[in-house]
Amino acid sequence: MKRNWSAEQKIAIVLQGLKGDSAVTEVCRQHGITTALYYQWRDRFLEGGQSALAHKGNSSGKQQELQSKIRELERIIGRLTVQNEILKKTEELLGK
């Protein structure tokens, strides 16, 4: 029977094996998985961590890009607010 494991479950199993308190074969037996599957999960887990750490510098660039977009949107909101106020004053002056 094939079982679908959530990401959280996979991480917990991989971490249990990495801790070394039990042999990987014992961890696999406890959870009913093959050692081959465990090592696939472990390798993906470690690659993901390596990738996240390697791209740490890029998050700063992404953050700056987002800050720039926020400033641009704030300027647009300010301009639209001024235009809206002008239209309200014009409407008041025309008596509508």
PDB file of N, CA and C in Angstrom:
ATOM      1  N   MET A   1       0.846  -1.193   0.000  1.00  0.00           N
ATOM      2  CA  MET A   1       0.000   0.000   0.000  1.00  0.00           C
ATOM      3  C   MET A   1       0.885   1.247   0.000  1.00  0.00           C
ATOM      4  N   LYS A   2       0.594   2.147  -0.904  1.00  0.00           N
ATOM      5  CA  LYS A   2       1.365   3.379  -1.008  1.00  0.00           C
ATOM      6  C   LYS A   2       0.751   4.427  -0.086  1.00  0.00           C
ATOM      7  N   ARG A   3       1.606   5.092   0.659  1.00  0.00           N
ATOM      8  CA  ARG A   3       1.145   6.116   1.599  1.00  0.00           C
ATOM      9  C   ARG A   3       1.705   7.457   1.197  1.00  0.00           C
ATOM     10  N   ASN A   4       0.906   8.482   1.306  1.00  0.00           N
ATOM     11  CA  ASN A   4       1.361   9.845   1.038  1.00  0.00           C
ATOM     12  C   ASN A   4       1.796  10.474   2.352  1.00  0.00           C
ATOM     13  N   TRP A   5       3.023  10.915   2.369  1.00  0.00           N
ATOM     14  CA  TRP A   5       3.584  11.545   3.556  1.00  0.00           C
ATOM     15  C   TRP A   5       3.572  13.053   3.358  1.00  0.00           C
ATOM     16  N   SER A   6       3.191  13.777   4.385  1.00  0.00           N
ATOM     17  CA  SER A   6       3.242  15.239   4.316  1.00  0.00           C
ATOM     18  C   SER A   6       4.700  15.675   4.417  1.00  0.00           C
ATOM     19  N   ALA A   7       4.964  16.904   4.023  1.00  0.00           N
ATOM     20  CA  ALA A   7       6.323  17.447   4.119  1.00  0.00           C
ATOM     21  C   ALA A   7       6.795  17.437   5.571  1.00  0.00           C
ATOM     22  N   GLU A   8       5.910  17.767   6.497  1.00  0.00           N
ATOM     23  CA  GLU A   8       6.275  17.800   7.914  1.00  0.00           C
ATOM     24  C   GLU A   8       6.663  16.412   8.408  1.00  0.00           C
ATOM     25  N   GLN A   9       5.917  15.384   7.963  1.00  0.00           N
ATOM     26  CA  GLN A   9       6.226  14.019   8.371  1.00  0.00           C
ATOM     27  C   GLN A   9       7.579  13.583   7.807  1.00  0.00           C
ATOM     28  N   LYS A  10       7.822  13.900   6.548  1.00  0.00           N
ATOM     29  CA  LYS A  10       9.100  13.542   5.928  1.00  0.00           C
ATOM     30  C   LYS A  10      10.264  14.199   6.667  1.00  0.00           C
ATOM     31  N   ILE A  11      10.099  15.482   6.977  1.00  0.00           N
ATOM     32  CA  ILE A  11      11.155  16.212   7.689  1.00  0.00           C
ATOM     33  C   ILE A  11      11.412  15.575   9.055  1.00  0.00           C
ATOM     34  N   ALA A  12      10.343  15.236   9.763  1.00  0.00           N
ATOM     35  CA  ALA A  12      10.498  14.634  11.087  1.00  0.00           C
ATOM     36  C   ALA A  12      11.239  13.302  10.996  1.00  0.00           C
ATOM     37  N   ILE A  13      10.919  12.506   9.984  1.00  0.00           N
ATOM     38  CA  ILE A  13      11.583  11.208   9.817  1.00  0.00           C
ATOM     39  C   ILE A  13      13.053  11.406   9.468  1.00  0.00           C
ATOM     40  N   VAL A  14      13.323  12.329   8.542  1.00  0.00           N
ATOM     41  CA  VAL A  14      14.712  12.593   8.154  1.00  0.00           C
ATOM     42  C   VAL A  14      15.510  13.096   9.355  1.00  0.00           C
ATOM     43  N   LEU A  15      14.949  14.016  10.113  1.00  0.00           N
ATOM     44  CA  LEU A  15      15.652  14.541  11.287  1.00  0.00           C
ATOM     45  C   LEU A  15      15.896  13.456  12.332  1.00  0.00           C
ATOM     46  N   GLN A  16      14.929  12.561  12.474  1.00  0.00           N
ATOM     47  CA  GLN A  16      15.096  11.451  13.408  1.00  0.00           C
ATOM     48  C   GLN A  16      16.298  10.599  13.000  1.00  0.00           C
ATOM     49  N   GLY A  17      16.435  10.358  11.696  1.00  0.00           N
ATOM     50  CA  GLY A  17      17.577   9.588  11.213  1.00  0.00           C
ATOM     51  C   GLY A  17      18.886  10.348  11.343  1.00  0.00           C
ATOM     52  N   LEU A  18      18.846  11.653  11.117  1.00  0.00           N
ATOM     53  CA  LEU A  18      20.062  12.463  11.199  1.00  0.00           C
ATOM     54  C   LEU A  18      20.564  12.627  12.632  1.00  0.00           C
ATOM     55  N   LYS A  19      19.639  12.617  13.582  1.00  0.00           N
ATOM     56  CA  LYS A  19      20.041  12.782  14.986  1.00  0.00           C
ATOM     57  C   LYS A  19      20.974  11.667  15.429  1.00  0.00           C
ATOM     58  N   GLY A  20      20.785  10.483  14.876  1.00  0.00           N
ATOM     59  CA  GLY A  20      21.688   9.383  15.199  1.00  0.00           C
ATOM     60  C   GLY A  20      21.354   8.632  16.468  1.00  0.00           C
ATOM     61  N   ASP A  21      20.233   8.945  17.112  1.00  0.00           N
ATOM     62  CA  ASP A  21      19.843   8.208  18.313  1.00  0.00           C
ATOM     63  C   ASP A  21      19.494   6.757  17.973  1.00  0.00           C
ATOM     64  N   SER A  22      18.992   6.553  16.751  1.00  0.00           N
ATOM     65  CA  SER A  22      18.640   5.222  16.263  1.00  0.00           C
ATOM     66  C   SER A  22      19.293   5.036  14.906  1.00  0.00           C
ATOM     67  N   ALA A  23      19.509   3.781  14.548  1.00  0.00           N
ATOM     68  CA  ALA A  23      20.040   3.497  13.217  1.00  0.00           C
ATOM     69  C   ALA A  23      18.986   3.856  12.173  1.00  0.00           C
ATOM     70  N   VAL A  24      19.433   4.260  10.996  1.00  0.00           N
ATOM     71  CA  VAL A  24      18.506   4.637   9.928  1.00  0.00           C
ATOM     72  C   VAL A  24      17.574   3.470   9.611  1.00  0.00           C
ATOM     73  N   THR A  25      18.100   2.252   9.619  1.00  0.00           N
ATOM     74  CA  THR A  25      17.240   1.093   9.339  1.00  0.00           C
ATOM     75  C   THR A  25      16.124   0.970  10.368  1.00  0.00           C
ATOM     76  N   GLU A  26      16.411   1.296  11.620  1.00  0.00           N
ATOM     77  CA  GLU A  26      15.392   1.240  12.672  1.00  0.00           C
ATOM     78  C   GLU A  26      14.340   2.333  12.463  1.00  0.00           C
ATOM     79  N   VAL A  27      14.783   3.527  12.099  1.00  0.00           N
ATOM     80  CA  VAL A  27      13.861   4.633  11.825  1.00  0.00           C
ATOM     81  C   VAL A  27      12.933   4.240  10.677  1.00  0.00           C
ATOM     82  N   CYS A  28      13.511   3.666   9.634  1.00  0.00           N
ATOM     83  CA  CYS A  28      12.714   3.248   8.475  1.00  0.00           C
ATOM     84  C   CYS A  28      11.711   2.174   8.865  1.00  0.00           C
ATOM     85  N   ARG A  29      12.134   1.213   9.677  1.00  0.00           N
ATOM     86  CA  ARG A  29      11.248   0.146  10.121  1.00  0.00           C
ATOM     87  C   ARG A  29      10.098   0.720  10.952  1.00  0.00           C
ATOM     88  N   GLN A  30      10.396   1.679  11.815  1.00  0.00           N
ATOM     89  CA  GLN A  30       9.358   2.303  12.655  1.00  0.00           C
ATOM     90  C   GLN A  30       8.276   2.962  11.803  1.00  0.00           C
ATOM     91  N   HIS A  31       8.685   3.540  10.690  1.00  0.00           N
ATOM     92  CA  HIS A  31       7.740   4.307   9.868  1.00  0.00           C
ATOM     93  C   HIS A  31       7.265   3.548   8.637  1.00  0.00           C
ATOM     94  N   GLY A  32       7.772   2.345   8.448  1.00  0.00           N
ATOM     95  CA  GLY A  32       7.317   1.516   7.340  1.00  0.00           C
ATOM     96  C   GLY A  32       7.769   2.021   5.981  1.00  0.00           C
ATOM     97  N   ILE A  33       8.995   2.539   5.918  1.00  0.00           N
ATOM     98  CA  ILE A  33       9.529   3.014   4.636  1.00  0.00           C
ATOM     99  C   ILE A  33      10.832   2.267   4.346  1.00  0.00           C
ATOM    100  N   THR A  34      11.239   2.297   3.083  1.00  0.00           N
ATOM    101  CA  THR A  34      12.504   1.663   2.723  1.00  0.00           C
ATOM    102  C   THR A  34      13.649   2.630   3.006  1.00  0.00           C
ATOM    103  N   THR A  35      14.824   2.071   3.170  1.00  0.00           N
ATOM    104  CA  THR A  35      15.991   2.934   3.396  1.00  0.00           C
ATOM    105  C   THR A  35      16.266   3.777   2.152  1.00  0.00           C
ATOM    106  N   ALA A  36      15.970   3.218   0.977  1.00  0.00           N
ATOM    107  CA  ALA A  36      16.171   3.983  -0.262  1.00  0.00           C
ATOM    108  C   ALA A  36      15.298   5.241  -0.254  1.00  0.00           C
ATOM    109  N   LEU A  37      14.046   5.101   0.179  1.00  0.00           N
ATOM    110  CA  LEU A  37      13.145   6.256   0.242  1.00  0.00           C
ATOM    111  C   LEU A  37      13.649   7.254   1.276  1.00  0.00           C
ATOM    112  N   TYR A  38      14.094   6.743   2.425  1.00  0.00           N
ATOM    113  CA  TYR A  38      14.640   7.628   3.454  1.00  0.00           C
ATOM    114  C   TYR A  38      15.787   8.453   2.887  1.00  0.00           C
ATOM    115  N   TYR A  39      16.723   7.820   2.186  1.00  0.00           N
ATOM    116  CA  TYR A  39      17.886   8.536   1.668  1.00  0.00           C
ATOM    117  C   TYR A  39      17.504   9.519   0.557  1.00  0.00           C
ATOM    118  N   GLN A  40      16.464   9.212  -0.201  1.00  0.00           N
ATOM    119  CA  GLN A  40      15.963  10.188  -1.190  1.00  0.00           C
ATOM    120  C   GLN A  40      15.463  11.436  -0.474  1.00  0.00           C
ATOM    121  N   TRP A  41      14.651  11.222   0.561  1.00  0.00           N
ATOM    122  CA  TRP A  41      14.127  12.352   1.336  1.00  0.00           C
ATOM    123  C   TRP A  41      15.265  13.128   1.976  1.00  0.00           C
ATOM    124  N   ARG A  42      16.233  12.428   2.557  1.00  0.00           N
ATOM    125  CA  ARG A  42      17.360  13.086   3.218  1.00  0.00           C
ATOM    126  C   ARG A  42      18.140  13.943   2.224  1.00  0.00           C
ATOM    127  N   ASP A  43      18.413  13.383   1.045  1.00  0.00           N
ATOM    128  CA  ASP A  43      19.178  14.130   0.049  1.00  0.00           C
ATOM    129  C   ASP A  43      18.429  15.381  -0.401  1.00  0.00           C
ATOM    130  N   ARG A  44      17.126  15.263  -0.619  1.00  0.00           N
ATOM    131  CA  ARG A  44      16.333  16.450  -1.010  1.00  0.00           C
ATOM    132  C   ARG A  44      16.323  17.487   0.111  1.00  0.00           C
ATOM    133  N   PHE A  45      16.193  17.009   1.333  1.00  0.00           N
ATOM    134  CA  PHE A  45      16.186  17.883   2.499  1.00  0.00           C
ATOM    135  C   PHE A  45      17.499  18.660   2.592  1.00  0.00           C
ATOM    136  N   LEU A  46      18.613  17.962   2.437  1.00  0.00           N
ATOM    137  CA  LEU A  46      19.917  18.613   2.526  1.00  0.00           C
ATOM    138  C   LEU A  46      20.163  19.554   1.344  1.00  0.00           C
ATOM    139  N   GLU A  47      19.709  19.175   0.157  1.00  0.00           N
ATOM    140  CA  GLU A  47      19.847  20.059  -1.011  1.00  0.00           C
ATOM    141  C   GLU A  47      19.045  21.337  -0.809  1.00  0.00           C
ATOM    142  N   GLY A  48      17.846  21.198  -0.255  1.00  0.00           N
ATOM    143  CA  GLY A  48      17.008  22.365   0.004  1.00  0.00           C
ATOM    144  C   GLY A  48      17.654  23.318   0.992  1.00  0.00           C
ATOM    145  N   GLY A  49      18.247  22.764   2.026  1.00  0.00           N
ATOM    146  CA  GLY A  49      18.931  23.597   3.012  1.00  0.00           C
ATOM    147  C   GLY A  49      20.143  24.287   2.416  1.00  0.00           C
ATOM    148  N   GLN A  50      20.881  23.558   1.612  1.00  0.00           N
ATOM    149  CA  GLN A  50      22.059  24.131   0.957  1.00  0.00           C
ATOM    150  C   GLN A  50      21.639  25.247   0.008  1.00  0.00           C
ATOM    151  N   SER A  51      20.577  25.000  -0.743  1.00  0.00           N
ATOM    152  CA  SER A  51      20.085  26.008  -1.682  1.00  0.00           C
ATOM    153  C   SER A  51      19.623  27.259  -0.943  1.00  0.00           C
ATOM    154  N   ALA A  52      18.913  27.064   0.158  1.00  0.00           N
ATOM    155  CA  ALA A  52      18.420  28.207   0.931  1.00  0.00           C
ATOM    156  C   ALA A  52      19.570  29.030   1.484  1.00  0.00           C
ATOM    157  N   LEU A  53      20.611  28.367   1.953  1.00  0.00           N
ATOM    158  CA  LEU A  53      21.755  29.094   2.499  1.00  0.00           C
ATOM    159  C   LEU A  53      22.564  29.768   1.400  1.00  0.00           C
ATOM    160  N   ALA A  54      22.658  29.143   0.256  1.00  0.00           N
ATOM    161  CA  ALA A  54      23.422  29.712  -0.852  1.00  0.00           C
ATOM    162  C   ALA A  54      22.741  30.948  -1.416  1.00  0.00           C
ATOM    163  N   HIS A  55      21.426  31.013  -1.340  1.00  0.00           N
ATOM    164  CA  HIS A  55      20.678  32.144  -1.894  1.00  0.00           C
ATOM    165  C   HIS A  55      20.337  33.186  -0.857  1.00  0.00           C
ATOM    166  N   LYS A  56      20.959  33.101   0.292  1.00  0.00           N
ATOM    167  CA  LYS A  56      20.694  34.059   1.371  1.00  0.00           C
ATOM    168  C   LYS A  56      20.929  35.493   0.899  1.00  0.00           C
ATOM    169  N   GLY A  57      21.990  35.718   0.144  1.00  0.00           N
ATOM    170  CA  GLY A  57      22.298  37.070  -0.341  1.00  0.00           C
ATOM    171  C   GLY A  57      21.245  37.601  -1.293  1.00  0.00           C
ATOM    172  N   ASN A  58      20.603  36.706  -2.037  1.00  0.00           N
ATOM    173  CA  ASN A  58      19.591  37.132  -2.989  1.00  0.00           C
ATOM    174  C   ASN A  58      18.334  37.629  -2.302  1.00  0.00           C
ATOM    175  N   SER A  59      18.078  37.183  -1.084  1.00  0.00           N
ATOM    176  CA  SER A  59      16.877  37.641  -0.393  1.00  0.00           C
ATOM    177  C   SER A  59      16.974  39.134  -0.100  1.00  0.00           C
ATOM    178  N   SER A  60      18.189  39.632   0.092  1.00  0.00           N
ATOM    179  CA  SER A  60      18.381  41.058   0.321  1.00  0.00           C
ATOM    180  C   SER A  60      17.993  41.840  -0.931  1.00  0.00           C
ATOM    181  N   GLY A  61      18.396  41.338  -2.095  1.00  0.00           N
ATOM    182  CA  GLY A  61      18.026  41.984  -3.357  1.00  0.00           C
ATOM    183  C   GLY A  61      16.533  41.945  -3.581  1.00  0.00           C
ATOM    184  N   LYS A  62      15.915  40.832  -3.212  1.00  0.00           N
ATOM    185  CA  LYS A  62      14.470  40.699  -3.347  1.00  0.00           C
ATOM    186  C   LYS A  62      13.767  41.669  -2.415  1.00  0.00           C
ATOM    187  N   GLN A  63      14.316  41.810  -1.207  1.00  0.00           N
ATOM    188  CA  GLN A  63      13.725  42.718  -0.233  1.00  0.00           C
ATOM    189  C   GLN A  63      13.813  44.162  -0.727  1.00  0.00           C
ATOM    190  N   GLN A  64      14.947  44.519  -1.304  1.00  0.00           N
ATOM    191  CA  GLN A  64      15.097  45.873  -1.848  1.00  0.00           C
ATOM    192  C   GLN A  64      14.120  46.110  -2.988  1.00  0.00           C
ATOM    193  N   GLU A  65      13.934  45.089  -3.820  1.00  0.00           N
ATOM    194  CA  GLU A  65      12.985  45.194  -4.929  1.00  0.00           C
ATOM    195  C   GLU A  65      11.573  45.412  -4.399  1.00  0.00           C
ATOM    196  N   LEU A  66      11.204  44.675  -3.357  1.00  0.00           N
ATOM    197  CA  LEU A  66       9.879  44.836  -2.763  1.00  0.00           C
ATOM    198  C   LEU A  66       9.715  46.213  -2.122  1.00  0.00           C
ATOM    199  N   GLN A  67      10.759  46.699  -1.440  1.00  0.00           N
ATOM    200  CA  GLN A  67      10.708  48.030  -0.836  1.00  0.00           C
ATOM    201  C   GLN A  67      10.525  49.096  -1.902  1.00  0.00           C
ATOM    202  N   SER A  68      11.206  48.934  -3.023  1.00  0.00           N
ATOM    203  CA  SER A  68      11.084  49.878  -4.130  1.00  0.00           C
ATOM    204  C   SER A  68       9.659  49.876  -4.674  1.00  0.00           C
ATOM    205  N   LYS A  69       9.084  48.701  -4.805  1.00  0.00           N
ATOM    206  CA  LYS A  69       7.708  48.583  -5.292  1.00  0.00           C
ATOM    207  C   LYS A  69       6.742  49.234  -4.309  1.00  0.00           C
ATOM    208  N   ILE A  70       6.972  49.049  -3.020  1.00  0.00           N
ATOM    209  CA  ILE A  70       6.125  49.678  -2.004  1.00  0.00           C
ATOM    210  C   ILE A  70       6.189  51.197  -2.122  1.00  0.00           C
ATOM    211  N   ARG A  71       7.404  51.745  -2.270  1.00  0.00           N
ATOM    212  CA  ARG A  71       7.534  53.205  -2.414  1.00  0.00           C
ATOM    213  C   ARG A  71       6.798  53.710  -3.656  1.00  0.00           C
ATOM    214  N   GLU A  72       6.911  52.963  -4.757  1.00  0.00           N
ATOM    215  CA  GLU A  72       6.224  53.350  -5.992  1.00  0.00           C
ATOM    216  C   GLU A  72       4.704  53.352  -5.786  1.00  0.00           C
ATOM    217  N   LEU A  73       4.200  52.326  -5.126  1.00  0.00           N
ATOM    218  CA  LEU A  73       2.758  52.251  -4.883  1.00  0.00           C
ATOM    219  C   LEU A  73       2.296  53.344  -3.925  1.00  0.00           C
ATOM    220  N   GLU A  74       3.117  53.685  -2.938  1.00  0.00           N
ATOM    221  CA  GLU A  74       2.776  54.775  -2.023  1.00  0.00           C
ATOM    222  C   GLU A  74       2.700  56.099  -2.772  1.00  0.00           C
ATOM    223  N   ARG A  75       3.615  56.335  -3.713  1.00  0.00           N
ATOM    224  CA  ARG A  75       3.568  57.567  -4.522  1.00  0.00           C
ATOM    225  C   ARG A  75       2.285  57.619  -5.352  1.00  0.00           C
ATOM    226  N   ILE A  76       1.910  56.476  -5.929  1.00  0.00           N
ATOM    227  CA  ILE A  76       0.685  56.420  -6.733  1.00  0.00           C
ATOM    228  C   ILE A  76      -0.528  56.709  -5.859  1.00  0.00           C
ATOM    229  N   ILE A  77      -0.565  56.132  -4.675  1.00  0.00           N
ATOM    230  CA  ILE A  77      -1.686  56.369  -3.755  1.00  0.00           C
ATOM    231  C   ILE A  77      -1.744  57.846  -3.377  1.00  0.00           C
ATOM    232  N   GLY A  78      -0.600  58.435  -3.106  1.00  0.00           N
ATOM    233  CA  GLY A  78      -0.566  59.860  -2.770  1.00  0.00           C
ATOM    234  C   GLY A  78      -1.091  60.716  -3.905  1.00  0.00           C
ATOM    235  N   ARG A  79      -0.659  60.432  -5.122  1.00  0.00           N
ATOM    236  CA  ARG A  79      -1.112  61.200  -6.288  1.00  0.00           C
ATOM    237  C   ARG A  79      -2.619  61.051  -6.482  1.00  0.00           C
ATOM    238  N   LEU A  80      -3.129  59.828  -6.340  1.00  0.00           N
ATOM    239  CA  LEU A  80      -4.565  59.597  -6.504  1.00  0.00           C
ATOM    240  C   LEU A  80      -5.372  60.275  -5.397  1.00  0.00           C
ATOM    241  N   THR A  81      -4.813  60.321  -4.194  1.00  0.00           N
ATOM    242  CA  THR A  81      -5.489  60.993  -3.088  1.00  0.00           C
ATOM    243  C   THR A  81      -5.617  62.488  -3.376  1.00  0.00           C
ATOM    244  N   VAL A  82      -4.541  63.091  -3.871  1.00  0.00           N
ATOM    245  CA  VAL A  82      -4.572  64.519  -4.209  1.00  0.00           C
ATOM    246  C   VAL A  82      -5.589  64.764  -5.317  1.00  0.00           C
ATOM    247  N   GLN A  83      -5.579  63.925  -6.350  1.00  0.00           N
ATOM    248  CA  GLN A  83      -6.537  64.083  -7.449  1.00  0.00           C
ATOM    249  C   GLN A  83      -7.967  63.943  -6.951  1.00  0.00           C
ATOM    250  N   ASN A  84      -8.197  63.013  -6.051  1.00  0.00           N
ATOM    251  CA  ASN A  84      -9.529  62.812  -5.488  1.00  0.00           C
ATOM    252  C   ASN A  84      -9.979  64.043  -4.708  1.00  0.00           C
ATOM    253  N   GLU A  85      -9.075  64.621  -3.918  1.00  0.00           N
ATOM    254  CA  GLU A  85      -9.400  65.831  -3.162  1.00  0.00           C
ATOM    255  C   GLU A  85      -9.721  66.994  -4.100  1.00  0.00           C
ATOM    256  N   ILE A  86      -8.975  67.125  -5.172  1.00  0.00           N
ATOM    257  CA  ILE A  86      -9.235  68.196  -6.155  1.00  0.00           C
ATOM    258  C   ILE A  86     -10.615  68.012  -6.764  1.00  0.00           C
ATOM    259  N   LEU A  87     -10.957  66.786  -7.113  1.00  0.00           N
ATOM    260  CA  LEU A  87     -12.281  66.531  -7.694  1.00  0.00           C
ATOM    261  C   LEU A  87     -13.399  66.843  -6.698  1.00  0.00           C
ATOM    262  N   LYS A  88     -13.199  66.515  -5.427  1.00  0.00           N
ATOM    263  CA  LYS A  88     -14.210  66.821  -4.408  1.00  0.00           C
ATOM    264  C   LYS A  88     -14.390  68.333  -4.262  1.00  0.00           C
ATOM    265  N   LYS A  89     -13.271  69.080  -4.226  1.00  0.00           N
ATOM    266  CA  LYS A  89     -13.344  70.548  -4.088  1.00  0.00           C
ATOM    267  C   LYS A  89     -14.029  71.154  -5.313  1.00  0.00           C
ATOM    268  N   THR A  90     -13.686  70.633  -6.490  1.00  0.00           N
ATOM    269  CA  THR A  90     -14.292  71.141  -7.725  1.00  0.00           C
ATOM    270  C   THR A  90     -15.811  70.891  -7.707  1.00  0.00           C
ATOM    271  N   GLU A  91     -16.193  69.705  -7.250  1.00  0.00           N
ATOM    272  CA  GLU A  91     -17.616  69.366  -7.168  1.00  0.00           C
ATOM    273  C   GLU A  91     -18.331  70.290  -6.180  1.00  0.00           C
ATOM    274  N   GLU A  92     -17.691  70.603  -5.056  1.00  0.00           N
ATOM    275  CA  GLU A  92     -18.276  71.511  -4.070  1.00  0.00           C
ATOM    276  C   GLU A  92     -18.441  72.900  -4.659  1.00  0.00           C
ATOM    277  N   LEU A  93     -17.444  73.367  -5.376  1.00  0.00           N
ATOM    278  CA  LEU A  93     -17.487  74.703  -5.966  1.00  0.00           C
ATOM    279  C   LEU A  93     -18.572  74.817  -7.045  1.00  0.00           C
ATOM    280  N   LEU A  94     -18.779  73.727  -7.766  1.00  0.00           N
ATOM    281  CA  LEU A  94     -19.801  73.741  -8.832  1.00  0.00           C
ATOM    282  C   LEU A  94     -21.184  73.487  -8.272  1.00  0.00           C
ATOM    283  N   GLY A  95     -21.257  73.117  -6.982  1.00  0.00           N
ATOM    284  CA  GLY A  95     -22.551  72.958  -6.316  1.00  0.00           C
ATOM    285  C   GLY A  95     -23.263  71.657  -6.647  1.00  0.00           C
ATOM    286  N   LYS A  96     -22.542  70.645  -6.957  1.00  0.00           N
ATOM    287  CA  LYS A  96     -23.199  69.374  -7.265  1.00  0.00           C
ATOM    288  C   LYS A  96     -23.422  68.560  -6.065  1.00  0.00           C
TER     289      LYS A  96
END
